[in-house]
Protein backbone atom coordinates (compact mmCIF):
# COMPACT_ATOMS: atom_id res chain seq x y z
CA MET A 1 56.00 53.85 49.61
CA SER A 2 56.31 51.52 46.31
CA ARG A 3 53.73 48.57 45.40
CA TRP A 4 56.97 46.22 46.41
CA GLY A 5 57.11 47.78 49.35
CA GLU A 6 53.83 48.14 50.52
CA THR A 7 53.16 44.26 49.40
CA LEU A 8 56.59 43.05 51.47
CA SER A 9 55.26 45.11 54.51
CA GLU A 10 51.45 44.12 54.38
CA THR A 11 50.58 41.32 56.77
CA LYS A 12 47.13 39.19 55.48
CA ARG A 13 44.98 37.14 57.46
CA CYS A 14 43.98 33.64 56.10
CA LEU A 15 40.04 33.41 55.67
CA TYR A 16 39.78 30.01 57.35
CA CYS A 17 41.71 29.79 60.57
CA ASP A 18 42.63 33.58 60.75
CA THR A 19 46.75 33.17 60.74
CA SER A 20 48.38 36.38 59.61
CA PHE A 21 50.86 35.23 56.30
CA MET A 22 52.83 37.32 54.03
CA GLU A 23 51.65 37.15 50.47
CA GLU A 24 54.87 35.53 48.27
CA VAL A 25 56.01 38.10 45.80
CA ASN A 26 57.30 36.48 42.50
CA TRP A 27 57.14 37.43 39.34
CA THR A 28 54.01 36.52 38.52
CA TRP A 29 52.28 38.82 40.78
CA ALA A 30 54.59 41.57 39.55
CA LEU A 31 52.87 40.98 36.24
CA GLY A 32 49.32 41.07 37.80
CA LEU A 33 48.96 36.94 37.08
CA SER A 34 48.64 35.80 40.78
CA GLU A 35 45.71 35.21 42.02
CA GLU A 36 45.20 36.88 45.46
CA LYS A 37 46.20 34.17 48.20
CA LEU A 38 42.99 34.29 50.76
CA LEU A 39 44.45 31.15 52.64
CA CYS A 40 47.73 30.78 54.65
CA PRO A 41 50.10 28.46 53.09
CA SER A 42 49.09 25.67 56.09
CA CYS A 43 45.72 25.98 54.77
CA ASP A 44 46.66 26.06 51.18
CA ALA A 45 48.32 22.96 51.27
CA LYS A 46 44.99 21.47 52.69
CA VAL A 47 42.83 22.53 49.43
CA VAL A 48 43.92 19.40 46.59
CA PRO A 49 42.80 20.62 43.07
CA ILE A 50 41.39 17.73 40.97
CA ARG A 51 44.02 17.28 37.73
CA ALA A 52 43.35 13.86 35.98
CA ILE A 53 39.92 11.92 35.80
CA GLY A 54 38.81 8.48 35.35
CA CYS A 55 35.62 9.17 33.96
CA GLU A 56 34.39 11.40 31.28
CA MET A 57 30.53 12.43 32.80
CA CYS A 58 31.27 12.64 36.78
CA GLY A 59 34.54 14.22 36.67
CA ARG A 60 35.45 11.06 39.44
CA GLN A 61 39.14 11.87 40.30
CA VAL A 62 42.17 9.51 39.64
CA GLU A 63 44.48 8.13 42.74
CA LYS A 64 47.46 5.69 42.53
CA GLU A 65 45.98 2.37 43.72
CA ASP A 66 43.81 -0.70 42.27
CA HIS A 67 40.49 -0.01 41.33
CA ASP A 68 37.84 -1.33 39.64
CA PHE A 69 35.71 1.58 38.27
CA VAL A 70 36.90 2.08 35.21
CA ASP A 71 39.89 0.93 32.64
CA SER A 72 43.45 1.44 34.55
CA GLY A 73 44.82 2.97 31.94
CA VAL A 74 42.29 5.71 32.05
CA ASN A 75 44.00 9.13 33.04
CA LEU A 76 42.35 12.02 31.73
CA PRO A 77 42.52 15.85 32.33
CA ALA A 78 40.01 17.37 34.46
CA THR A 79 38.27 18.79 31.25
CA PHE A 80 34.53 18.62 29.92
CA ARG A 81 34.20 16.01 26.72
CA ILE A 82 32.24 16.54 23.76
CA LYS A 83 30.70 13.22 23.77
CA PRO A 84 31.30 11.04 27.07
CA SER A 85 32.31 7.80 26.44
CA VAL A 86 34.83 6.52 29.52
CA LEU A 87 32.17 6.35 32.29
CA CYS A 88 32.58 4.71 35.53
CA ARG A 89 30.76 2.75 37.57
CA ASP A 90 28.30 4.78 39.10
CA CYS A 91 27.52 6.58 35.86
CA LEU A 92 27.10 3.55 33.95
CA ARG A 93 24.27 2.69 36.55
CA TRP A 94 22.63 5.99 35.85
CA LYS A 95 22.62 4.92 32.17
CA GLU A 96 21.16 1.94 32.29
CA GLU A 97 18.43 2.65 34.87
CA GLY A 98 17.49 5.24 32.43
CA GLN A 99 17.72 8.44 34.49
CA VAL A 100 17.88 11.51 32.35
CA GLY A 101 17.67 9.23 29.86
CA ASN A 102 20.72 8.80 27.21
CA ARG A 103 21.34 12.54 27.75
CA SER A 104 24.93 13.44 29.79
CA VAL A 105 24.81 15.53 32.61
CA GLN A 106 28.80 15.86 32.74
CA GLN A 107 30.17 17.44 36.22
CA ARG A 108 33.74 19.14 37.05
CA SER A 109 35.01 19.70 40.58
CA LEU A 110 37.45 21.49 41.26
CA TYR A 111 38.76 20.18 44.52
CA VAL A 112 38.56 16.77 46.65
CA TYR A 113 36.42 16.71 48.89
CA ASN A 114 38.81 15.72 51.66
CA ASP A 115 38.90 16.19 55.49
CA PHE A 116 40.12 19.58 55.34
CA LEU A 117 37.29 20.71 52.79
CA GLN A 118 34.37 19.40 54.62
CA GLU A 119 35.44 21.63 57.40
CA VAL A 120 35.24 24.67 55.42
CA MET A 121 32.49 23.88 53.59
CA ALA A 122 30.44 23.04 57.05
CA ARG A 123 31.54 26.60 58.26
CA PHE A 124 30.38 28.11 55.19
CA LYS A 125 26.70 25.73 54.73
CA TYR A 126 25.98 25.65 58.37
CA ARG A 127 27.91 27.85 60.46
CA GLY A 128 26.51 30.73 58.35
CA ASP A 129 30.52 31.96 57.41
CA ALA A 130 29.58 33.15 53.82
CA GLU A 131 32.52 34.83 52.91
CA LEU A 132 34.35 31.35 52.72
CA ALA A 133 32.52 31.57 49.39
CA THR A 134 35.20 33.85 48.05
CA LEU A 135 37.57 31.04 48.20
CA PHE A 136 36.04 29.14 45.01
CA SER A 137 33.90 31.27 43.17
CA GLN A 138 36.34 33.02 41.40
CA LYS A 139 38.03 29.25 40.03
CA LEU A 140 34.44 28.24 39.42
CA LYS A 141 33.77 31.23 37.29
CA GLY A 142 36.79 30.15 35.35
CA LEU A 143 35.42 26.81 35.11
CA VAL A 144 32.24 27.79 33.89
CA GLN A 145 34.17 30.26 31.23
CA SER A 146 35.90 27.33 29.82
CA LEU A 147 32.77 25.48 28.38
CA GLY A 148 32.34 28.35 25.41
CA LYS A 149 29.22 29.14 24.26
CA LEU A 150 26.39 29.16 27.02
CA ASP A 151 22.68 30.11 26.86
CA ALA A 152 22.11 30.30 30.89
CA VAL A 153 23.82 29.38 34.47
CA THR A 154 21.65 28.86 37.25
CA VAL A 155 22.42 27.21 40.82
CA ILE A 156 20.22 24.14 42.76
CA PRO A 157 17.72 25.95 44.64
CA LEU A 158 16.99 25.59 48.30
CA ALA A 159 13.57 24.80 50.11
CA GLY A 160 12.39 27.46 51.60
CA GLU A 161 12.71 26.20 55.54
CA ARG A 162 15.92 25.38 54.52
CA LEU A 163 16.92 28.93 53.28
CA TRP A 164 15.37 30.33 56.06
CA GLU A 165 17.42 28.35 58.33
CA ARG A 166 20.36 29.35 56.50
CA GLY A 167 19.91 32.30 55.75
CA PHE A 168 21.53 32.14 52.38
CA ASN A 169 21.99 29.89 49.43
CA GLN A 170 24.99 28.61 49.34
CA ALA A 171 25.29 27.61 45.31
CA ALA A 172 24.06 31.52 44.65
CA LEU A 173 26.85 32.64 46.81
CA LEU A 174 29.50 30.56 45.15
CA ALA A 175 27.97 31.49 41.81
CA GLY A 176 28.18 35.01 42.42
CA GLU A 177 31.27 35.88 40.09
CA LEU A 178 28.55 34.89 37.12
CA TRP A 179 25.67 36.23 35.70
CA TYR A 180 23.21 33.15 36.84
CA ARG A 181 19.36 33.05 36.84
CA ASP A 182 16.92 31.30 38.91
CA VAL A 183 15.45 29.19 36.76
CA LEU A 184 14.39 26.20 39.55
CA VAL A 185 12.87 26.19 42.20
CA ARG A 186 12.28 23.61 45.19
CA VAL A 187 9.27 22.47 46.43
CA GLY A 188 7.69 20.42 48.81
CA VAL A 189 9.33 19.38 52.37
CA SER A 190 13.49 19.37 51.92
CA GLU A 191 15.09 16.90 54.51
CA LYS A 192 19.05 16.35 54.63
CA GLN A 193 20.20 14.05 51.91
CA SER A 194 23.85 13.66 53.13
CA LYS A 195 23.02 10.15 55.11
CA ARG A 196 20.41 8.77 52.31
CA GLY A 197 21.97 6.34 49.59
CA ARG A 198 22.00 6.89 46.29
CA ARG A 199 18.70 4.88 45.68
CA GLU A 200 17.03 6.80 48.58
CA ARG A 201 18.41 9.92 47.60
CA MET A 202 17.23 9.90 43.47
CA SER A 203 13.55 8.31 44.84
CA ALA A 204 13.42 11.39 47.45
CA LEU A 205 13.84 13.64 44.56
CA GLN A 206 11.45 12.99 42.13
CA GLY A 207 9.44 15.75 41.32
CA VAL A 208 11.36 17.82 43.60
CA PHE A 209 12.39 20.81 41.15
CA ARG A 210 10.18 22.53 38.69
CA LEU A 211 11.00 25.44 36.76
CA SER A 212 10.53 29.06 38.48
CA ASP A 213 8.67 31.85 36.65
CA GLU A 214 11.68 33.05 35.25
CA GLY A 215 12.46 29.53 34.01
CA GLY A 216 8.89 28.84 32.95
CA ALA A 217 9.06 32.00 30.56
CA VAL A 218 12.05 30.80 28.70
CA ASP A 219 12.02 28.86 25.21
CA TRP A 220 14.75 26.42 26.35
CA ALA A 221 14.52 24.46 23.25
CA GLY A 222 18.07 23.65 21.91
CA LYS A 223 19.73 25.83 24.78
CA ARG A 224 23.05 24.72 26.60
CA ILE A 225 22.98 25.44 30.45
CA VAL A 226 25.42 24.67 33.31
CA ILE A 227 24.31 24.23 36.80
CA VAL A 228 26.58 25.32 39.99
CA ASP A 229 26.42 23.50 43.21
CA ASP A 230 28.87 23.33 46.39
CA ILE A 231 29.62 19.45 46.41
CA TYR A 232 28.70 16.69 44.57
CA THR A 233 28.42 12.87 45.89
CA THR A 234 26.04 10.90 44.14
CA GLY A 235 24.96 13.22 41.55
CA ALA A 236 21.18 12.57 42.57
CA THR A 237 20.44 16.48 43.13
CA LEU A 238 21.84 17.32 39.78
CA ARG A 239 20.17 14.68 37.86
CA ALA A 240 17.10 15.59 39.20
CA ALA A 241 17.26 19.13 38.87
CA ALA A 242 18.80 18.36 34.89
CA THR A 243 15.77 16.67 34.44
CA VAL A 244 13.30 19.47 34.69
CA LEU A 245 15.87 21.68 32.11
CA TYR A 246 15.72 18.62 29.45
CA GLU A 247 11.80 18.20 29.98
CA ALA A 248 11.34 22.00 28.88
CA GLY A 249 13.82 21.23 25.77
CA ALA A 250 17.34 21.78 26.47
CA LEU A 251 19.97 20.76 24.26
CA GLU A 252 22.65 20.12 27.26
CA VAL A 253 23.04 20.20 30.79
CA LEU A 254 26.14 20.91 32.55
CA ALA A 255 27.04 21.32 35.96
CA VAL A 256 30.18 22.68 38.04
CA THR A 257 30.83 21.80 41.66
CA VAL A 258 33.72 23.41 44.56
CA ALA A 259 33.94 19.84 45.43
CA ARG A 260 33.68 16.05 44.19
CA ALA A 261 32.62 13.66 47.35
CA THR A 262 32.38 9.84 46.46
CA GLY A 263 35.40 7.81 46.13
CA ALA A 264 38.20 8.39 43.73
CA VAL A 265 38.91 6.08 40.84
CA MET A 266 42.28 3.93 42.02
CA LEU A 267 44.87 3.51 39.59
CA LYS A 268 47.28 0.58 40.13
CA ASN A 269 50.73 2.40 40.82
CA LYS A 270 53.01 0.39 38.25
CA GLY A 271 56.24 2.13 39.63
């Protein structure tokens, strides 16, 4: 049977809901340009990519309604900037409070953290469905590769008891398509951050990261580093980790995550 025939007769199962489905066969598939579908059409339609941002620093997504985070005319593509200058209200506060000084921690996410992705990530992180990392790892690799020359890729580490509970570090699985290094370790008791406010998160994270033995053996002066994590909420965790790398001499610390959790920039609909 030809490749076309085999594909047309092959039934796949959705990695999330386990529903059977047929993968669409078109010219991009024939040329080997399309990605393998891991979600059924119904689940795939619930995953919303971030295509435009309203903050050059944290990658806050744009929607069409009134807002007061940034200039309503801002509608930027979801790419990194050499010198971020358009900042949302949260990033202006980070800058004013002197977190990481004036050194940037640019961040981009692949998707909007909607109800569906919350369910997917909860199953992935808390119910041990590690295979779900494959939904995102290849796309995260592409996002990292778009950054140009990097000296290191690393991940947000888990504290020992949290790693024991889950059996894996979700950030490490998400970075599985990349050659990453464990250059950071998390010290002390790790409490869940999800119910903490912005200031509480930053206070709780002070001193919680340090360089690992591997990280301590590296001369970080002038290096460009990207950190991989699962969800961006307030940015406190990424900034705390970036602070360690900046203090070690890093030139630039960037970050990529699967999804952006906090509210979107709401653009006024002029139509």
